[in-house]
């Protein structure tokens, strides 16, 4: 499909055909883009937090770092489902708006 990344390549951060035309490709791409962007920021925040601990001379042990990463991953789990549900709600609201305009 045109909006899907190649199977042998990492997911690309693209937003294709997200104009609400109803073909479904834009929503998947938007969800993927949001997931990748959020994951990058989440990972960057963890790295910065570890750096701050080192700077203030309160470094975390490897066990503590693993615990922080595990907690972060558990918090991030389910993010795709949340984005998908928000996208579905947006689609329903657009359809409601369009049906109201046609009436």
N, C-alpha and C. Protein backbone atom coordinates (compact mmCIF):
# COMPACT_ATOMS: atom_id res chain seq x y z
N UNK A 1 0.84 -1.17 0.00
CA UNK A 1 0.00 0.00 0.00
C UNK A 1 0.89 1.24 0.00
N UNK A 2 0.43 2.31 -0.60
CA UNK A 2 1.29 3.49 -0.75
C UNK A 2 1.75 4.12 0.55
N UNK A 3 0.92 4.12 1.60
CA UNK A 3 1.29 4.78 2.84
C UNK A 3 2.12 3.93 3.77
N UNK A 4 2.28 2.64 3.45
CA UNK A 4 3.00 1.74 4.34
C UNK A 4 4.50 1.79 4.08
N UNK A 5 5.33 1.73 5.13
CA UNK A 5 6.78 1.71 4.93
C UNK A 5 7.20 0.37 4.34
N UNK A 6 8.32 0.34 3.63
CA UNK A 6 8.81 -0.92 3.11
C UNK A 6 9.06 -1.90 4.24
N UNK A 7 8.81 -3.19 3.97
CA UNK A 7 8.92 -4.21 5.01
C UNK A 7 10.34 -4.33 5.55
N UNK A 8 11.34 -4.08 4.70
CA UNK A 8 12.73 -4.25 5.13
C UNK A 8 13.31 -2.98 5.74
N UNK A 9 12.50 -1.99 5.97
CA UNK A 9 13.00 -0.71 6.46
C UNK A 9 12.30 -0.37 7.77
N UNK A 10 12.94 0.45 8.56
CA UNK A 10 12.33 0.92 9.81
C UNK A 10 11.16 1.83 9.47
N UNK A 11 10.17 1.94 10.36
CA UNK A 11 9.05 2.84 10.09
C UNK A 11 9.54 4.26 9.85
N UNK A 12 8.97 4.89 8.89
CA UNK A 12 9.35 6.27 8.56
C UNK A 12 8.35 7.22 9.18
N UNK A 13 8.83 8.38 9.56
CA UNK A 13 7.96 9.38 10.16
C UNK A 13 7.34 10.21 9.06
N UNK A 14 6.29 9.70 8.46
CA UNK A 14 5.60 10.42 7.40
C UNK A 14 4.13 10.50 7.71
N UNK A 15 3.51 11.50 7.19
CA UNK A 15 2.08 11.67 7.34
C UNK A 15 1.52 11.73 5.93
N UNK A 16 0.96 10.62 5.47
CA UNK A 16 0.46 10.59 4.10
C UNK A 16 -1.05 10.52 4.08
N UNK A 17 -1.62 11.33 3.22
CA UNK A 17 -3.05 11.27 2.94
C UNK A 17 -3.88 11.39 4.21
N UNK A 18 -3.51 12.29 5.08
CA UNK A 18 -4.24 12.45 6.33
C UNK A 18 -5.28 13.54 6.27
N UNK A 19 -5.93 13.66 5.11
CA UNK A 19 -6.88 14.75 4.95
C UNK A 19 -8.30 14.36 5.24
N UNK A 20 -8.50 13.19 5.87
CA UNK A 20 -9.84 12.80 6.24
C UNK A 20 -10.70 12.36 5.08
N UNK A 21 -10.09 11.82 4.02
CA UNK A 21 -10.87 11.41 2.87
C UNK A 21 -11.48 10.03 3.03
N UNK A 22 -11.24 9.37 4.17
CA UNK A 22 -11.92 8.14 4.46
C UNK A 22 -11.27 6.87 3.97
N UNK A 23 -10.07 6.94 3.37
CA UNK A 23 -9.46 5.70 2.88
C UNK A 23 -8.66 4.98 3.95
N UNK A 24 -8.45 5.58 5.10
CA UNK A 24 -7.81 4.91 6.22
C UNK A 24 -6.31 5.00 6.25
N UNK A 25 -5.66 5.33 5.16
CA UNK A 25 -4.20 5.37 5.14
C UNK A 25 -3.64 6.51 5.97
N UNK A 26 -4.30 7.64 5.97
CA UNK A 26 -3.81 8.80 6.71
C UNK A 26 -3.84 8.58 8.20
N UNK A 27 -4.87 7.92 8.69
CA UNK A 27 -4.98 7.70 10.13
C UNK A 27 -3.86 6.80 10.64
N UNK A 28 -3.54 5.73 9.89
CA UNK A 28 -2.45 4.84 10.30
C UNK A 28 -1.12 5.58 10.29
N UNK A 29 -0.91 6.39 9.27
CA UNK A 29 0.34 7.15 9.18
C UNK A 29 0.42 8.19 10.29
N UNK A 30 -0.71 8.82 10.59
CA UNK A 30 -0.73 9.82 11.67
C UNK A 30 -0.44 9.17 13.01
N UNK A 31 -1.03 7.99 13.23
CA UNK A 31 -0.79 7.27 14.48
C UNK A 31 0.67 6.88 14.59
N UNK A 32 1.24 6.37 13.50
CA UNK A 32 2.65 5.99 13.50
C UNK A 32 3.53 7.20 13.76
N UNK A 33 3.24 8.31 13.11
CA UNK A 33 4.02 9.52 13.30
C UNK A 33 3.96 9.98 14.76
N UNK A 34 2.78 9.97 15.34
CA UNK A 34 2.63 10.40 16.73
C UNK A 34 3.36 9.45 17.67
N UNK A 35 3.27 8.15 17.40
CA UNK A 35 3.96 7.18 18.25
C UNK A 35 5.47 7.39 18.21
N UNK A 36 6.02 7.53 17.01
CA UNK A 36 7.47 7.69 16.87
C UNK A 36 7.92 8.98 17.53
N UNK A 37 7.19 10.07 17.31
CA UNK A 37 7.55 11.35 17.91
C UNK A 37 7.49 11.27 19.44
N UNK A 38 6.44 10.65 19.96
CA UNK A 38 6.32 10.52 21.41
C UNK A 38 7.41 9.63 21.99
N UNK A 39 7.72 8.53 21.30
CA UNK A 39 8.76 7.62 21.78
C UNK A 39 10.12 8.32 21.80
N UNK A 40 10.40 9.12 20.77
CA UNK A 40 11.67 9.86 20.74
C UNK A 40 11.76 10.84 21.90
N UNK A 41 10.71 11.56 22.16
CA UNK A 41 10.72 12.52 23.26
C UNK A 41 10.81 11.81 24.61
N UNK A 42 10.11 10.70 24.73
CA UNK A 42 10.14 9.91 25.95
C UNK A 42 11.55 9.40 26.23
N UNK A 43 12.19 8.86 25.19
CA UNK A 43 13.56 8.34 25.34
C UNK A 43 14.52 9.48 25.68
N UNK A 44 14.36 10.61 25.01
CA UNK A 44 15.23 11.76 25.27
C UNK A 44 15.08 12.24 26.71
N UNK A 45 13.85 12.23 27.21
CA UNK A 45 13.61 12.66 28.59
C UNK A 45 14.29 11.72 29.59
N UNK A 46 14.26 10.43 29.30
CA UNK A 46 14.92 9.47 30.20
C UNK A 46 16.43 9.70 30.19
N UNK A 47 17.01 9.89 29.01
CA UNK A 47 18.45 10.12 28.92
C UNK A 47 18.84 11.41 29.65
N UNK A 48 18.04 12.46 29.47
CA UNK A 48 18.32 13.73 30.15
C UNK A 48 18.22 13.54 31.67
N UNK A 49 17.23 12.80 32.12
CA UNK A 49 17.08 12.55 33.56
C UNK A 49 18.30 11.82 34.12
N UNK A 50 18.80 10.83 33.39
CA UNK A 50 20.01 10.13 33.82
C UNK A 50 21.19 11.09 33.87
N UNK A 51 21.29 11.97 32.88
CA UNK A 51 22.37 12.95 32.84
C UNK A 51 22.32 13.92 34.00
N UNK A 52 21.12 14.36 34.35
CA UNK A 52 20.95 15.29 35.47
C UNK A 52 21.38 14.61 36.77
N UNK A 53 21.01 13.36 36.93
CA UNK A 53 21.43 12.63 38.13
C UNK A 53 22.96 12.57 38.22
N UNK A 54 23.60 12.32 37.09
CA UNK A 54 25.07 12.29 37.06
C UNK A 54 25.66 13.66 37.39
N UNK A 55 25.06 14.73 36.83
CA UNK A 55 25.58 16.08 37.03
C UNK A 55 25.51 16.52 38.49
N UNK A 56 24.47 16.13 39.19
CA UNK A 56 24.32 16.54 40.58
C UNK A 56 24.96 15.54 41.54
N UNK A 57 25.77 14.69 40.97
CA UNK A 57 26.53 13.69 41.71
C UNK A 57 25.63 12.73 42.51
N UNK A 58 24.53 12.35 41.86
CA UNK A 58 23.62 11.35 42.43
C UNK A 58 23.32 10.33 41.34
N UNK A 59 24.39 9.72 40.82
CA UNK A 59 24.18 8.81 39.68
C UNK A 59 23.34 7.60 40.08
N UNK A 60 22.57 7.13 39.11
CA UNK A 60 21.76 5.94 39.34
C UNK A 60 22.59 4.69 39.02
N UNK A 61 22.34 3.64 39.76
CA UNK A 61 22.99 2.37 39.45
C UNK A 61 22.32 1.78 38.21
N UNK A 62 22.92 0.76 37.64
CA UNK A 62 22.31 0.11 36.48
C UNK A 62 20.94 -0.46 36.83
N UNK A 63 20.83 -1.01 38.02
CA UNK A 63 19.54 -1.56 38.45
C UNK A 63 18.48 -0.46 38.53
N UNK A 64 18.87 0.70 39.05
CA UNK A 64 17.93 1.82 39.14
C UNK A 64 17.55 2.33 37.75
N UNK A 65 18.53 2.40 36.84
CA UNK A 65 18.24 2.83 35.47
C UNK A 65 17.27 1.86 34.79
N UNK A 66 17.47 0.58 35.00
CA UNK A 66 16.58 -0.42 34.42
C UNK A 66 15.18 -0.26 34.98
N UNK A 67 15.08 0.00 36.27
CA UNK A 67 13.77 0.19 36.90
C UNK A 67 13.06 1.41 36.31
N UNK A 68 13.80 2.48 36.08
CA UNK A 68 13.22 3.69 35.49
C UNK A 68 12.73 3.39 34.07
N UNK A 69 13.55 2.70 33.29
CA UNK A 69 13.17 2.38 31.92
C UNK A 69 11.96 1.45 31.90
N UNK A 70 11.93 0.46 32.79
CA UNK A 70 10.77 -0.44 32.86
C UNK A 70 9.50 0.34 33.20
N UNK A 71 9.59 1.23 34.15
CA UNK A 71 8.43 2.04 34.53
C UNK A 71 7.97 2.91 33.35
N UNK A 72 8.92 3.48 32.64
CA UNK A 72 8.59 4.32 31.49
C UNK A 72 7.92 3.50 30.39
N UNK A 73 8.43 2.31 30.13
CA UNK A 73 7.83 1.45 29.11
C UNK A 73 6.42 1.02 29.50
N UNK A 74 6.24 0.70 30.76
CA UNK A 74 4.90 0.32 31.21
C UNK A 74 3.93 1.50 31.07
N UNK A 75 4.41 2.69 31.34
CA UNK A 75 3.56 3.88 31.19
C UNK A 75 3.24 4.13 29.72
N UNK A 76 4.20 3.87 28.84
CA UNK A 76 4.04 4.11 27.41
C UNK A 76 3.18 3.03 26.76
N UNK A 77 3.10 1.84 27.38
CA UNK A 77 2.31 0.75 26.84
C UNK A 77 0.85 1.18 26.73
N UNK A 78 0.25 0.88 25.63
CA UNK A 78 -1.14 1.26 25.42
C UNK A 78 -1.31 2.59 24.74
N UNK A 79 -0.20 3.26 24.44
CA UNK A 79 -0.27 4.58 23.80
C UNK A 79 -0.87 4.48 22.40
N UNK A 80 -0.51 3.41 21.67
CA UNK A 80 -1.05 3.23 20.31
C UNK A 80 -2.57 3.09 20.36
N UNK A 81 -3.06 2.31 21.30
CA UNK A 81 -4.51 2.12 21.43
C UNK A 81 -5.19 3.45 21.74
N UNK A 82 -4.57 4.26 22.57
CA UNK A 82 -5.13 5.57 22.92
C UNK A 82 -5.19 6.46 21.68
N UNK A 83 -4.10 6.49 20.89
CA UNK A 83 -4.08 7.31 19.68
C UNK A 83 -5.11 6.82 18.67
N UNK A 84 -5.23 5.50 18.54
CA UNK A 84 -6.19 4.92 17.60
C UNK A 84 -7.61 5.29 18.00
N UNK A 85 -7.91 5.22 19.30
CA UNK A 85 -9.25 5.56 19.75
C UNK A 85 -9.54 7.05 19.54
N UNK A 86 -8.54 7.89 19.77
CA UNK A 86 -8.74 9.33 19.53
C UNK A 86 -8.96 9.61 18.05
N UNK A 87 -8.24 8.90 17.20
CA UNK A 87 -8.41 9.05 15.76
C UNK A 87 -9.80 8.61 15.33
N UNK A 88 -10.28 7.49 15.90
CA UNK A 88 -11.63 7.00 15.57
C UNK A 88 -12.69 8.00 16.01
N UNK A 89 -12.50 8.60 17.18
CA UNK A 89 -13.44 9.62 17.65
C UNK A 89 -13.45 10.81 16.70
N UNK A 90 -12.26 11.20 16.24
CA UNK A 90 -12.17 12.30 15.28
C UNK A 90 -12.91 11.98 13.99
N UNK A 91 -12.76 10.74 13.51
CA UNK A 91 -13.47 10.33 12.30
C UNK A 91 -14.97 10.40 12.50
N UNK A 92 -15.44 9.91 13.65
CA UNK A 92 -16.87 9.94 13.94
C UNK A 92 -17.40 11.37 13.99
N UNK A 93 -16.62 12.26 14.60
CA UNK A 93 -17.04 13.66 14.69
C UNK A 93 -17.07 14.31 13.31
N UNK A 94 -16.09 13.99 12.46
CA UNK A 94 -16.09 14.53 11.08
C UNK A 94 -17.31 14.03 10.32
N UNK A 95 -17.62 12.73 10.45
CA UNK A 95 -18.78 12.17 9.76
C UNK A 95 -20.07 12.82 10.26
N UNK A 96 -20.15 13.05 11.56
CA UNK A 96 -21.31 13.71 12.13
C UNK A 96 -21.45 15.12 11.58
N UNK A 97 -20.34 15.82 11.49
CA UNK A 97 -20.35 17.19 10.96
C UNK A 97 -20.78 17.19 9.50
N UNK A 98 -20.22 16.27 8.70
CA UNK A 98 -20.55 16.20 7.27
C UNK A 98 -22.02 15.82 7.07
N UNK A 99 -22.51 14.89 7.89
CA UNK A 99 -23.92 14.49 7.74
C UNK A 99 -24.84 15.63 8.15
N UNK A 100 -24.44 16.44 9.11
CA UNK A 100 -25.23 17.59 9.53
C UNK A 100 -25.26 18.66 8.43
N UNK A 101 -24.15 18.81 7.71
CA UNK A 101 -24.10 19.80 6.63
C UNK A 101 -24.95 19.36 5.44
N UNK A 102 -25.03 18.05 5.21
CA UNK A 102 -25.81 17.54 4.08
C UNK A 102 -27.30 17.63 4.35
N UNK A 103 -27.69 17.70 5.61
CA UNK A 103 -29.13 17.73 5.94
C UNK A 103 -29.74 19.08 5.68
